[in-house]
Amino acid sequence: MNKFPFYDLRLQITNSCPQKCKHCFADSKSSVMNEITLKEISNLIVKDLVPRGLKWVTMTGGEPLLRYDDCLSITKLCRDCGVVPRINTGGYVKNVDNKVTKLIEAGIETIMLPLKSTSPTAHDSFCGIKGVFENTIRLFKLIRKLNGTSCLRVTLFNWNREEIPNLLKLARDIKIDKFRIRPELPAGRSFQHSEFPSTYEISQIAKLLLHEKDLNDDIAIEFLNPFFQFLYSDYNKEYQTCTCGITKAFITSKGDIKPCGFYKDSFGNILKESFNSLWEEKPHPVLKRLRSRKPFEKCKQCKSWDFCKGGCPVIAYNENGDLDGYCRYCPIQRA
């Protein structure tokens, strides 16, 4: 019996990407060589993770559809193993309509695509390629036509706060299934800019979206850490504490294992050591700290600890090199 179960794998298929997004958390390149093979991925899923209770695999990048054949094989493998496959894509690749169609036919559960603005010019400028916005809208409509499940991924910056209601309206107009939002996190190329939202902006968006959830349930609005939406709603029961490093992990296209994709350091490499060794037999001290569920130093006196569990620990770690460090997004610390 494994002491530490494992439910949720975020798998970076490749760090290559044709887009040049200004805040890419993975700092993706136009071309990356010598990445984890399909055989290595398959062995990881079947031999190491399914026996631990794996439930979900989310393929991400870079641009995972640059390895479309492998994405299709992984989708089919997951379905054969009783695991739910998902994909997080920018969708800007050749023959993407055909690829999305085949993935839906193979059983992909959710296809996630990002938008930063309802302005084609603003979104395309962010991505560094003209036509990305139009391509994304077309793909959302195609997924709907094929009865697939779509998710709009939204990142809140300090410049697109006014765009959030417009993005939600767009999502409703073209009948997207899920609207998933999180603030910009300090990772990858985000350090090259100063576009993090304020805690006030985060709280205002949380209140707005909670109100929208009350008014209409035609779209699933999902808050990702660190939104702290429980502070603005006595009846909100959907807040989920971070499980990165506990039941969830991110594995890079080079085989490095991290608690999540935003975490800046690696805990080891599954191509050099077994997953069991890195996850259970001799886990990294940070993994042990996350699993302890003990209050961080900064949270010891906080009345919300039992509910919040520290929000998003990666923020403090990436900016301070310490899980116990100051968190720029904690509305209580900033009060």
Protein backbone atom coordinates (compact mmCIF):
# COMPACT_ATOMS: atom_id res chain seq x y z
CA MET A 1 0.00 0.00 0.00
CA ASN A 2 1.36 3.42 -0.98
CA LYS A 3 1.45 5.89 1.89
CA PHE A 4 1.00 8.87 -0.43
CA PRO A 5 -1.78 8.49 -3.03
CA PHE A 6 -1.56 10.37 -6.29
CA TYR A 7 -4.65 11.61 -8.13
CA ASP A 8 -3.71 14.46 -10.43
CA LEU A 9 -0.86 14.62 -12.97
CA ARG A 10 -0.07 17.80 -14.87
CA LEU A 11 2.14 16.55 -17.69
CA GLN A 12 4.21 18.91 -19.80
CA ILE A 13 4.31 17.14 -23.16
CA THR A 14 6.76 19.67 -24.59
CA ASN A 15 8.21 23.05 -23.75
CA SER A 16 8.16 24.03 -27.43
CA CYS A 17 5.54 26.59 -28.46
CA PRO A 18 4.89 28.70 -31.57
CA GLN A 19 3.43 31.52 -29.47
CA LYS A 20 5.51 34.07 -27.59
CA CYS A 21 3.27 34.94 -24.65
CA LYS A 22 4.82 37.69 -22.56
CA HIS A 23 4.22 36.00 -19.21
CA CYS A 24 4.70 32.32 -20.11
CA PHE A 25 5.06 30.43 -16.81
CA ALA A 26 7.18 27.76 -18.54
CA ASP A 27 9.34 30.23 -20.47
CA SER A 28 8.62 28.12 -23.56
CA LYS A 29 10.91 28.13 -26.59
CA SER A 30 10.24 27.85 -30.30
CA SER A 31 11.96 24.46 -30.37
CA VAL A 32 13.10 22.05 -27.65
CA MET A 33 14.95 18.78 -28.22
CA ASN A 34 15.36 15.48 -26.32
CA GLU A 35 12.13 15.52 -24.34
CA ILE A 36 10.42 12.69 -22.47
CA THR A 37 9.29 9.94 -24.84
CA LEU A 38 5.84 8.43 -25.25
CA LYS A 39 7.14 5.13 -23.89
CA GLU A 40 8.50 6.85 -20.76
CA ILE A 41 5.20 8.67 -20.28
CA SER A 42 3.19 5.48 -20.75
CA ASN A 43 5.34 3.58 -18.24
CA LEU A 44 4.97 6.41 -15.73
CA ILE A 45 1.19 6.40 -16.02
CA VAL A 46 0.59 2.65 -16.14
CA LYS A 47 3.28 1.33 -13.80
CA ASP A 48 3.73 4.16 -11.30
CA LEU A 49 0.64 6.34 -11.12
CA VAL A 50 -2.43 4.21 -11.90
CA PRO A 51 -1.57 1.84 -9.00
CA ARG A 52 -1.48 4.91 -6.71
CA GLY A 53 -5.01 5.93 -7.66
CA LEU A 54 -4.41 8.32 -10.56
CA LYS A 55 -7.66 9.98 -11.66
CA TRP A 56 -6.71 12.83 -14.00
CA VAL A 57 -3.98 13.60 -16.52
CA THR A 58 -3.78 17.12 -17.93
CA MET A 59 -1.47 17.46 -20.92
CA THR A 60 0.13 20.89 -21.14
CA GLY A 61 3.16 22.66 -22.55
CA GLY A 62 4.53 24.73 -24.21
CA GLU A 63 2.11 23.65 -26.86
CA PRO A 64 1.21 19.98 -26.37
CA LEU A 65 -0.40 19.71 -29.82
CA LEU A 66 3.07 20.01 -31.34
CA ARG A 67 3.23 16.35 -30.23
CA TYR A 68 -0.28 15.60 -31.37
CA ASP A 69 0.26 11.89 -32.09
CA ASP A 70 1.55 11.40 -28.55
CA CYS A 71 -1.37 13.42 -27.12
CA LEU A 72 -3.78 11.15 -28.97
CA SER A 73 -1.99 8.02 -27.72
CA ILE A 74 -1.98 9.31 -24.13
CA THR A 75 -5.69 10.14 -24.37
CA LYS A 76 -6.48 6.60 -25.48
CA LEU A 77 -4.15 5.10 -22.86
CA CYS A 78 -5.82 7.09 -20.09
CA ARG A 79 -9.28 5.97 -21.17
CA ASP A 80 -8.10 2.35 -21.24
CA CYS A 81 -6.81 2.76 -17.67
CA GLY A 82 -9.94 4.48 -16.34
CA VAL A 83 -8.15 7.84 -16.08
CA VAL A 84 -9.69 11.13 -17.24
CA PRO A 85 -7.54 12.91 -19.89
CA ARG A 86 -7.57 16.69 -20.40
CA ILE A 87 -5.51 19.08 -22.48
CA ASN A 88 -4.35 22.64 -21.90
CA THR A 89 -3.49 24.13 -25.30
CA GLY A 90 -3.06 27.41 -27.13
CA GLY A 91 -4.46 25.71 -30.21
CA TYR A 92 -2.29 27.58 -32.71
CA VAL A 93 -0.86 24.68 -34.73
CA LYS A 94 -1.33 23.28 -38.24
CA ASN A 95 -4.47 21.25 -38.93
CA VAL A 96 -5.72 22.04 -35.43
CA ASP A 97 -9.40 21.50 -36.29
CA ASN A 98 -8.71 17.92 -37.33
CA LYS A 99 -6.55 17.31 -34.27
CA VAL A 100 -9.18 18.64 -31.88
CA THR A 101 -11.82 16.51 -33.61
CA LYS A 102 -9.75 13.34 -33.23
CA LEU A 103 -9.00 14.08 -29.57
CA ILE A 104 -12.69 14.49 -28.80
CA GLU A 105 -13.45 11.24 -30.63
CA ALA A 106 -10.73 9.52 -28.57
CA GLY A 107 -12.31 10.67 -25.31
CA ILE A 108 -10.53 13.83 -24.21
CA GLU A 109 -12.61 15.15 -21.30
CA THR A 110 -11.89 18.89 -21.44
CA ILE A 111 -10.06 21.13 -23.89
CA MET A 112 -8.76 24.31 -22.25
CA LEU A 113 -7.87 27.42 -24.24
CA PRO A 114 -6.74 30.86 -22.97
CA LEU A 115 -7.92 34.39 -23.68
CA LYS A 116 -6.54 37.52 -22.05
CA SER A 117 -8.93 40.02 -23.61
CA THR A 118 -11.97 40.29 -25.87
CA SER A 119 -9.91 42.58 -28.08
CA PRO A 120 -8.27 40.56 -30.88
CA THR A 121 -5.49 43.14 -31.10
CA ALA A 122 -4.74 43.04 -27.36
CA HIS A 123 -4.80 39.24 -27.14
CA ASP A 124 -2.73 38.71 -30.28
CA SER A 125 -0.20 41.28 -29.08
CA PHE A 126 0.13 39.38 -25.80
CA CYS A 127 0.71 36.11 -27.66
CA GLY A 128 3.08 37.64 -30.19
CA ILE A 129 1.20 36.26 -33.22
CA LYS A 130 -1.58 37.79 -35.27
CA GLY A 131 -4.69 35.64 -35.63
CA VAL A 132 -4.52 33.73 -32.33
CA PHE A 133 -7.72 35.31 -30.99
CA GLU A 134 -9.74 34.42 -34.09
CA ASN A 135 -8.33 30.89 -34.06
CA THR A 136 -9.27 30.44 -30.39
CA ILE A 137 -12.88 31.56 -30.92
CA ARG A 138 -13.23 29.20 -33.88
CA LEU A 139 -11.92 26.29 -31.81
CA PHE A 140 -14.36 26.98 -28.99
CA LYS A 141 -17.22 26.88 -31.49
CA LEU A 142 -15.86 23.67 -33.03
CA ILE A 143 -15.64 21.97 -29.62
CA ARG A 144 -19.25 22.96 -28.97
CA LYS A 145 -20.34 21.59 -32.36
CA LEU A 146 -18.62 18.27 -31.61
CA ASN A 147 -20.24 18.05 -28.15
CA GLY A 148 -16.87 18.30 -26.45
CA THR A 149 -16.27 20.11 -23.15
CA SER A 150 -14.52 23.48 -23.36
CA CYS A 151 -12.84 25.63 -20.73
CA LEU A 152 -11.80 29.26 -21.07
CA ARG A 153 -8.64 29.93 -19.05
CA VAL A 154 -8.37 33.53 -17.88
CA THR A 155 -5.41 35.15 -16.14
CA LEU A 156 -6.06 38.31 -14.17
CA PHE A 157 -3.42 41.02 -14.63
CA ASN A 158 -3.40 44.63 -13.49
CA TRP A 159 -4.37 45.73 -16.99
CA ASN A 160 -7.29 43.44 -17.87
CA ARG A 161 -9.51 43.78 -14.79
CA GLU A 162 -12.18 45.60 -16.83
CA GLU A 163 -12.04 42.80 -19.40
CA ILE A 164 -13.17 40.03 -17.04
CA PRO A 165 -16.93 40.76 -17.33
CA ASN A 166 -16.50 40.98 -21.12
CA LEU A 167 -14.70 37.64 -21.22
CA LEU A 168 -17.43 36.03 -19.15
CA LYS A 169 -20.07 37.44 -21.51
CA LEU A 170 -18.12 36.14 -24.50
CA ALA A 171 -17.89 32.71 -22.88
CA ARG A 172 -21.64 32.67 -22.36
CA ASP A 173 -22.38 33.94 -25.85
CA ILE A 174 -20.46 31.12 -27.55
CA LYS A 175 -21.56 28.59 -24.93
CA ILE A 176 -18.24 27.65 -23.35
CA ASP A 177 -18.71 25.11 -20.55
CA LYS A 178 -16.21 26.37 -17.95
CA PHE A 179 -14.74 29.76 -17.06
CA ARG A 180 -11.55 29.26 -15.04
CA ILE A 181 -9.68 32.22 -13.59
CA ARG A 182 -6.56 32.84 -11.51
CA PRO A 183 -4.30 35.85 -10.83
CA GLU A 184 -0.95 36.06 -12.58
CA LEU A 185 1.61 34.07 -10.59
CA PRO A 186 5.31 34.91 -10.19
CA ALA A 187 6.85 32.32 -12.49
CA GLY A 188 8.68 32.10 -15.79
CA ARG A 189 8.56 35.30 -17.84
CA SER A 190 6.22 37.09 -15.43
CA PHE A 191 9.32 38.35 -13.61
CA GLN A 192 10.17 40.41 -16.70
CA HIS A 193 7.04 42.52 -16.18
CA SER A 194 5.19 44.29 -13.39
CA GLU A 195 1.61 43.40 -14.21
CA PHE A 196 0.47 41.52 -11.11
CA PRO A 197 -3.03 42.50 -9.95
CA SER A 198 -3.55 44.07 -6.53
CA THR A 199 -5.38 42.28 -3.72
CA TYR A 200 -8.13 44.88 -4.18
CA GLU A 201 -8.50 43.98 -7.86
CA ILE A 202 -8.60 40.28 -7.00
CA SER A 203 -11.28 40.83 -4.37
CA GLN A 204 -13.40 42.91 -6.73
CA ILE A 205 -13.27 40.24 -9.44
CA ALA A 206 -14.08 37.55 -6.88
CA LYS A 207 -17.15 39.47 -5.72
CA LEU A 208 -18.27 40.13 -9.27
CA LEU A 209 -17.94 36.50 -10.34
CA LEU A 210 -19.58 35.18 -7.17
CA HIS A 211 -22.51 37.46 -7.93
CA GLU A 212 -22.61 36.12 -11.50
CA LYS A 213 -22.67 32.55 -10.15
CA ASP A 214 -25.72 33.48 -8.10
CA LEU A 215 -27.52 34.99 -11.05
CA ASN A 216 -26.96 32.21 -13.56
CA ASP A 217 -25.53 28.70 -13.60
CA ASP A 218 -25.23 28.37 -17.38
CA ILE A 219 -21.43 28.28 -17.11
CA ALA A 220 -19.20 26.76 -14.44
CA ILE A 221 -17.12 29.58 -12.93
CA GLU A 222 -14.00 28.13 -11.30
CA PHE A 223 -11.62 30.11 -9.10
CA LEU A 224 -8.05 28.87 -8.89
CA ASN A 225 -5.73 29.67 -6.01
CA PRO A 226 -4.92 32.30 -4.83
CA PHE A 227 -8.38 33.90 -5.16
CA PHE A 228 -9.46 33.60 -1.49
CA GLN A 229 -13.08 33.89 -2.63
CA PHE A 230 -14.24 32.33 0.64
CA LEU A 231 -13.54 35.71 2.27
CA TYR A 232 -16.25 37.33 0.18
CA SER A 233 -19.02 34.76 0.44
CA ASP A 234 -20.43 33.09 3.54
CA TYR A 235 -22.14 30.43 1.45
CA ASN A 236 -19.40 29.61 -1.04
CA LYS A 237 -18.44 25.95 -0.55
CA GLU A 238 -16.30 25.52 -3.65
CA TYR A 239 -12.96 26.82 -2.37
CA GLN A 240 -10.29 24.18 -2.83
CA THR A 241 -7.05 24.25 -0.89
CA CYS A 242 -3.85 23.64 -2.81
CA THR A 243 -3.00 19.93 -3.12
CA CYS A 244 0.24 20.38 -5.08
CA GLY A 245 2.88 18.03 -3.70
CA ILE A 246 0.19 16.17 -1.77
CA THR A 247 -2.03 14.44 -4.34
CA LYS A 248 -0.95 16.47 -7.39
CA ALA A 249 2.32 17.05 -9.23
CA PHE A 250 3.75 18.55 -12.40
CA ILE A 251 6.26 16.65 -14.53
CA THR A 252 8.21 18.62 -17.11
CA SER A 253 9.04 17.52 -20.63
CA LYS A 254 12.56 16.74 -19.38
CA GLY A 255 11.27 14.49 -16.58
CA ASP A 256 11.69 16.89 -13.66
CA ILE A 257 9.06 16.59 -10.93
CA LYS A 258 7.58 19.64 -9.20
CA PRO A 259 4.55 20.19 -6.95
CA CYS A 260 3.08 22.40 -9.71
CA GLY A 261 4.10 23.95 -13.00
CA PHE A 262 4.66 27.37 -11.45
CA TYR A 263 7.15 26.13 -8.84
CA LYS A 264 10.62 27.24 -9.92
CA ASP A 265 12.70 24.28 -8.70
CA SER A 266 12.80 20.53 -9.35
CA PHE A 267 12.57 17.79 -6.72
CA GLY A 268 14.37 15.29 -8.92
CA ASN A 269 14.02 13.59 -12.27
CA ILE A 270 11.90 10.51 -13.01
CA LEU A 271 14.28 9.55 -15.83
CA LYS A 272 17.11 9.22 -13.28
CA GLU A 273 15.24 8.02 -10.19
CA SER A 274 11.98 6.16 -9.79
CA PHE A 275 8.80 8.09 -9.13
CA ASN A 276 8.29 6.04 -5.97
CA SER A 277 11.70 7.09 -4.68
CA LEU A 278 11.09 10.78 -5.30
CA TRP A 279 7.48 10.82 -4.16
CA GLU A 280 7.50 8.45 -1.20
CA GLU A 281 10.80 6.87 -0.19
CA LYS A 282 12.91 10.04 0.08
CA PRO A 283 10.71 13.06 -0.65
CA HIS A 284 12.21 16.53 -0.86
CA PRO A 285 11.96 18.62 2.35
CA VAL A 286 9.53 21.00 0.62
CA LEU A 287 7.24 18.06 -0.18
CA LYS A 288 7.36 17.03 3.47
CA ARG A 289 6.51 20.59 4.49
CA LEU A 290 3.55 20.80 2.13
CA ARG A 291 2.22 17.44 3.28
CA SER A 292 2.46 18.30 6.96
CA ARG A 293 -0.42 20.76 6.57
CA LYS A 294 1.01 22.69 9.51
CA PRO A 295 0.53 26.48 9.43
CA PHE A 296 3.28 28.46 7.78
CA GLU A 297 5.01 30.92 10.08
CA LYS A 298 3.14 33.82 8.49
CA CYS A 299 -0.20 32.02 8.98
CA LYS A 300 0.01 30.81 12.58
CA GLN A 301 -2.28 33.49 13.99
CA CYS A 302 -4.68 33.55 11.05
CA LYS A 303 -8.28 32.56 11.73
CA SER A 304 -8.67 31.39 8.14
CA TRP A 305 -5.89 28.79 8.22
CA ASP A 306 -8.16 25.77 8.66
CA PHE A 307 -10.02 26.78 5.52
CA CYS A 308 -7.28 28.39 3.44
CA LYS A 309 -4.17 26.30 4.27
CA GLY A 310 -1.91 29.11 3.10
CA GLY A 311 -3.40 29.86 -0.30
CA CYS A 312 -0.78 29.29 -3.01
CA PRO A 313 2.60 28.47 -1.38
CA VAL A 314 4.48 28.81 -4.67
CA ILE A 315 4.07 32.59 -4.58
CA ALA A 316 6.09 32.98 -1.40
CA TYR A 317 8.63 30.37 -2.49
CA ASN A 318 9.29 31.79 -5.96
CA GLU A 319 9.68 35.34 -4.68
CA ASN A 320 11.42 34.67 -1.36
CA GLY A 321 12.88 31.16 -1.67
CA ASP A 322 10.86 30.25 1.41
CA LEU A 323 7.38 28.75 1.83
CA ASP A 324 7.06 30.81 5.01
CA GLY A 325 7.84 34.04 3.20
CA TYR A 326 5.56 36.95 2.47
CA CYS A 327 2.72 36.34 -0.03
CA ARG A 328 1.89 39.29 -2.27
CA TYR A 329 -1.69 38.12 -2.75
CA CYS A 330 -2.79 37.32 0.79
CA PRO A 331 -5.52 39.89 1.55
CA ILE A 332 -5.08 39.35 5.30
CA GLN A 333 -1.31 39.92 5.30
CA ARG A 334 -1.85 42.98 3.14
CA ALA A 335 -4.65 44.36 5.31
